[in-house]
Amino acid sequence: FQYLKRFDQGCNLDRFWYEPLSVEGSPAECLQLFLLHCGVVDPSWAELRNFTWFLNVQLRDCEASVFCNPDFVGDTLNGF
């Protein structure tokens, strides 16, 4: 949710890191962003769950990768 919220606001996500246990927004705002970005017109709860699970795994791997660390790659992958 934190990534999607900042993405919608046009923020630069290159230096953003998820903060465990931090709470932002309301449950309604969270659900609205998931519905907007999941890519299915009328998703089931299972489809929303799969979307959020997949997105979470991808973002966690991205944060853990040295190749996605802006301090390591500098500006060679700006916006990637």
N, C-alpha and C. Protein backbone atom coordinates (compact mmCIF):
# COMPACT_ATOMS: atom_id res chain seq x y z
N PHE A 1 0.82 -1.19 0.00
CA PHE A 1 0.00 0.00 0.00
C PHE A 1 0.86 1.25 0.00
N GLN A 2 1.94 1.22 0.81
CA GLN A 2 2.80 2.41 0.89
C GLN A 2 3.41 2.75 -0.46
N TYR A 3 3.83 1.74 -1.20
CA TYR A 3 4.40 1.97 -2.54
C TYR A 3 3.33 2.49 -3.49
N LEU A 4 2.17 1.87 -3.52
CA LEU A 4 1.11 2.29 -4.44
C LEU A 4 0.65 3.71 -4.14
N LYS A 5 0.56 4.05 -2.88
CA LYS A 5 0.14 5.39 -2.48
C LYS A 5 1.13 6.43 -3.00
N ARG A 6 2.40 6.17 -2.80
CA ARG A 6 3.42 7.11 -3.27
C ARG A 6 3.51 7.15 -4.80
N PHE A 7 3.31 5.99 -5.43
CA PHE A 7 3.30 5.94 -6.89
C PHE A 7 2.19 6.82 -7.44
N ASP A 8 0.99 6.74 -6.87
CA ASP A 8 -0.14 7.57 -7.31
C ASP A 8 0.11 9.05 -7.08
N GLN A 9 0.90 9.38 -6.06
CA GLN A 9 1.21 10.78 -5.77
C GLN A 9 2.36 11.31 -6.63
N GLY A 10 2.96 10.43 -7.44
CA GLY A 10 4.05 10.84 -8.32
C GLY A 10 5.39 10.95 -7.61
N CYS A 11 5.51 10.32 -6.46
CA CYS A 11 6.77 10.37 -5.71
C CYS A 11 7.83 9.49 -6.36
N ASN A 12 9.09 9.84 -6.13
CA ASN A 12 10.20 9.03 -6.59
C ASN A 12 10.33 7.84 -5.63
N LEU A 13 10.17 6.64 -6.14
CA LEU A 13 10.21 5.44 -5.30
C LEU A 13 11.61 4.85 -5.18
N ASP A 14 12.58 5.41 -5.87
CA ASP A 14 13.94 4.85 -5.86
C ASP A 14 14.55 4.82 -4.47
N ARG A 15 14.21 5.78 -3.64
CA ARG A 15 14.81 5.85 -2.30
C ARG A 15 13.80 5.54 -1.20
N PHE A 16 12.63 5.07 -1.55
CA PHE A 16 11.64 4.71 -0.55
C PHE A 16 11.83 3.27 -0.12
N TRP A 17 11.74 3.02 1.18
CA TRP A 17 11.80 1.67 1.74
C TRP A 17 10.60 1.48 2.65
N TYR A 18 10.01 0.30 2.55
CA TYR A 18 8.89 -0.04 3.42
C TYR A 18 9.33 -0.04 4.87
N GLU A 19 8.51 0.52 5.74
CA GLU A 19 8.80 0.55 7.16
C GLU A 19 7.88 -0.45 7.86
N PRO A 20 8.44 -1.59 8.30
CA PRO A 20 7.61 -2.60 8.96
C PRO A 20 6.82 -2.03 10.14
N LEU A 21 5.62 -2.50 10.28
CA LEU A 21 4.70 -2.14 11.35
C LEU A 21 4.21 -0.70 11.30
N SER A 22 4.57 0.05 10.25
CA SER A 22 4.04 1.41 10.13
C SER A 22 2.67 1.34 9.46
N VAL A 23 1.77 2.17 9.90
CA VAL A 23 0.41 2.17 9.38
C VAL A 23 0.16 3.51 8.69
N GLU A 24 -0.35 3.42 7.47
CA GLU A 24 -0.70 4.63 6.72
C GLU A 24 -2.09 4.43 6.13
N GLY A 25 -2.84 5.49 6.06
CA GLY A 25 -4.13 5.44 5.40
C GLY A 25 -5.16 4.60 6.14
N SER A 26 -6.33 4.54 5.55
CA SER A 26 -7.43 3.77 6.12
C SER A 26 -7.61 2.47 5.35
N PRO A 27 -8.32 1.51 5.92
CA PRO A 27 -8.59 0.28 5.18
C PRO A 27 -9.33 0.55 3.86
N ALA A 28 -10.23 1.53 3.86
CA ALA A 28 -10.96 1.86 2.64
C ALA A 28 -10.02 2.40 1.56
N GLU A 29 -9.09 3.26 1.95
CA GLU A 29 -8.12 3.81 1.00
C GLU A 29 -7.22 2.70 0.45
N CYS A 30 -6.83 1.78 1.30
CA CYS A 30 -6.00 0.64 0.89
C CYS A 30 -6.74 -0.21 -0.13
N LEU A 31 -7.98 -0.56 0.16
CA LEU A 31 -8.77 -1.37 -0.75
C LEU A 31 -8.98 -0.66 -2.08
N GLN A 32 -9.22 0.63 -2.04
CA GLN A 32 -9.42 1.41 -3.26
C GLN A 32 -8.18 1.37 -4.15
N LEU A 33 -7.00 1.52 -3.56
CA LEU A 33 -5.76 1.47 -4.35
C LEU A 33 -5.53 0.08 -4.93
N PHE A 34 -5.80 -0.96 -4.15
CA PHE A 34 -5.65 -2.33 -4.67
C PHE A 34 -6.60 -2.57 -5.83
N LEU A 35 -7.84 -2.12 -5.71
CA LEU A 35 -8.81 -2.29 -6.80
C LEU A 35 -8.37 -1.52 -8.04
N LEU A 36 -7.80 -0.36 -7.85
CA LEU A 36 -7.36 0.47 -8.96
C LEU A 36 -6.19 -0.14 -9.72
N HIS A 37 -5.28 -0.79 -8.99
CA HIS A 37 -4.04 -1.26 -9.59
C HIS A 37 -3.95 -2.76 -9.88
N CYS A 38 -4.93 -3.54 -9.47
CA CYS A 38 -4.78 -4.99 -9.60
C CYS A 38 -4.93 -5.47 -11.04
N GLY A 39 -5.51 -4.68 -11.93
CA GLY A 39 -5.58 -5.06 -13.33
C GLY A 39 -6.79 -5.90 -13.71
N VAL A 40 -7.68 -6.16 -12.77
CA VAL A 40 -8.90 -6.92 -13.04
C VAL A 40 -10.08 -5.98 -12.79
N VAL A 41 -11.04 -5.97 -13.72
CA VAL A 41 -12.16 -5.02 -13.62
C VAL A 41 -12.98 -5.25 -12.36
N ASP A 42 -13.37 -6.47 -12.10
CA ASP A 42 -14.19 -6.79 -10.92
C ASP A 42 -13.56 -7.97 -10.20
N PRO A 43 -12.46 -7.73 -9.46
CA PRO A 43 -11.70 -8.84 -8.88
C PRO A 43 -12.42 -9.51 -7.71
N SER A 44 -12.16 -10.78 -7.57
CA SER A 44 -12.62 -11.51 -6.38
C SER A 44 -11.63 -11.23 -5.25
N TRP A 45 -12.00 -11.67 -4.05
CA TRP A 45 -11.08 -11.51 -2.93
C TRP A 45 -9.80 -12.31 -3.17
N ALA A 46 -9.94 -13.47 -3.81
CA ALA A 46 -8.77 -14.29 -4.10
C ALA A 46 -7.83 -13.58 -5.07
N GLU A 47 -8.40 -12.91 -6.07
CA GLU A 47 -7.57 -12.18 -7.03
C GLU A 47 -6.87 -11.00 -6.36
N LEU A 48 -7.56 -10.31 -5.46
CA LEU A 48 -6.92 -9.21 -4.72
C LEU A 48 -5.82 -9.75 -3.81
N ARG A 49 -6.07 -10.87 -3.18
CA ARG A 49 -5.07 -11.48 -2.31
C ARG A 49 -3.84 -11.88 -3.11
N ASN A 50 -4.04 -12.49 -4.28
CA ASN A 50 -2.91 -12.89 -5.12
C ASN A 50 -2.14 -11.68 -5.62
N PHE A 51 -2.85 -10.62 -5.99
CA PHE A 51 -2.18 -9.40 -6.43
C PHE A 51 -1.31 -8.82 -5.33
N THR A 52 -1.88 -8.71 -4.13
CA THR A 52 -1.11 -8.11 -3.03
C THR A 52 0.05 -9.00 -2.62
N TRP A 53 -0.16 -10.30 -2.63
CA TRP A 53 0.92 -11.23 -2.28
C TRP A 53 2.07 -11.11 -3.28
N PHE A 54 1.73 -11.14 -4.58
CA PHE A 54 2.76 -11.06 -5.63
C PHE A 54 3.49 -9.72 -5.55
N LEU A 55 2.75 -8.63 -5.41
CA LEU A 55 3.38 -7.32 -5.32
C LEU A 55 4.30 -7.24 -4.11
N ASN A 56 3.86 -7.77 -2.98
CA ASN A 56 4.67 -7.75 -1.77
C ASN A 56 5.97 -8.53 -1.96
N VAL A 57 5.90 -9.70 -2.57
CA VAL A 57 7.09 -10.52 -2.82
C VAL A 57 8.07 -9.78 -3.74
N GLN A 58 7.55 -9.19 -4.81
CA GLN A 58 8.40 -8.48 -5.76
C GLN A 58 9.07 -7.27 -5.12
N LEU A 59 8.32 -6.51 -4.34
CA LEU A 59 8.89 -5.32 -3.70
C LEU A 59 9.90 -5.69 -2.62
N ARG A 60 9.63 -6.76 -1.88
CA ARG A 60 10.58 -7.23 -0.86
C ARG A 60 11.88 -7.67 -1.52
N ASP A 61 11.79 -8.40 -2.63
CA ASP A 61 12.99 -8.83 -3.35
C ASP A 61 13.75 -7.63 -3.93
N CYS A 62 13.00 -6.65 -4.41
CA CYS A 62 13.63 -5.45 -4.95
C CYS A 62 14.39 -4.70 -3.85
N GLU A 63 13.79 -4.56 -2.69
CA GLU A 63 14.46 -3.87 -1.59
C GLU A 63 15.71 -4.63 -1.14
N ALA A 64 15.70 -5.95 -1.25
CA ALA A 64 16.83 -6.77 -0.81
C ALA A 64 17.94 -6.85 -1.84
N SER A 65 17.67 -6.49 -3.08
CA SER A 65 18.64 -6.62 -4.16
C SER A 65 19.62 -5.45 -4.18
N VAL A 66 20.88 -5.75 -4.23
CA VAL A 66 21.90 -4.71 -4.32
C VAL A 66 21.78 -3.97 -5.66
N PHE A 67 21.27 -4.63 -6.67
CA PHE A 67 21.15 -4.00 -7.99
C PHE A 67 20.02 -2.98 -8.06
N CYS A 68 19.15 -2.96 -7.07
CA CYS A 68 18.09 -1.96 -6.99
C CYS A 68 18.39 -0.91 -5.94
N ASN A 69 19.55 -0.98 -5.33
CA ASN A 69 19.95 -0.03 -4.31
C ASN A 69 20.57 1.19 -4.99
N PRO A 70 19.93 2.37 -4.87
CA PRO A 70 20.46 3.56 -5.55
C PRO A 70 21.85 3.97 -5.07
N ASP A 71 22.22 3.59 -3.86
CA ASP A 71 23.57 3.90 -3.38
C ASP A 71 24.62 3.04 -4.09
N PHE A 72 24.23 1.87 -4.55
CA PHE A 72 25.14 0.97 -5.25
C PHE A 72 25.21 1.28 -6.75
N VAL A 73 24.07 1.45 -7.39
CA VAL A 73 24.05 1.64 -8.84
C VAL A 73 24.14 3.10 -9.25
N GLY A 74 24.03 4.01 -8.30
CA GLY A 74 24.08 5.43 -8.64
C GLY A 74 22.87 5.80 -9.47
N ASP A 75 23.09 6.59 -10.50
CA ASP A 75 21.97 7.02 -11.36
C ASP A 75 21.91 6.23 -12.65
N THR A 76 22.57 5.08 -12.71
CA THR A 76 22.61 4.31 -13.96
C THR A 76 21.26 3.65 -14.27
N LEU A 77 20.42 3.43 -13.27
CA LEU A 77 19.10 2.82 -13.47
C LEU A 77 18.00 3.75 -13.01
N ASN A 78 18.18 5.03 -13.13
CA ASN A 78 17.21 6.00 -12.64
C ASN A 78 15.83 5.74 -13.24
N GLY A 79 14.84 5.56 -12.36
CA GLY A 79 13.48 5.33 -12.79
C GLY A 79 13.16 3.89 -13.13
N PHE A 80 14.14 3.01 -13.05
CA PHE A 80 13.91 1.61 -13.38
C PHE A 80 12.97 1.00 -12.39
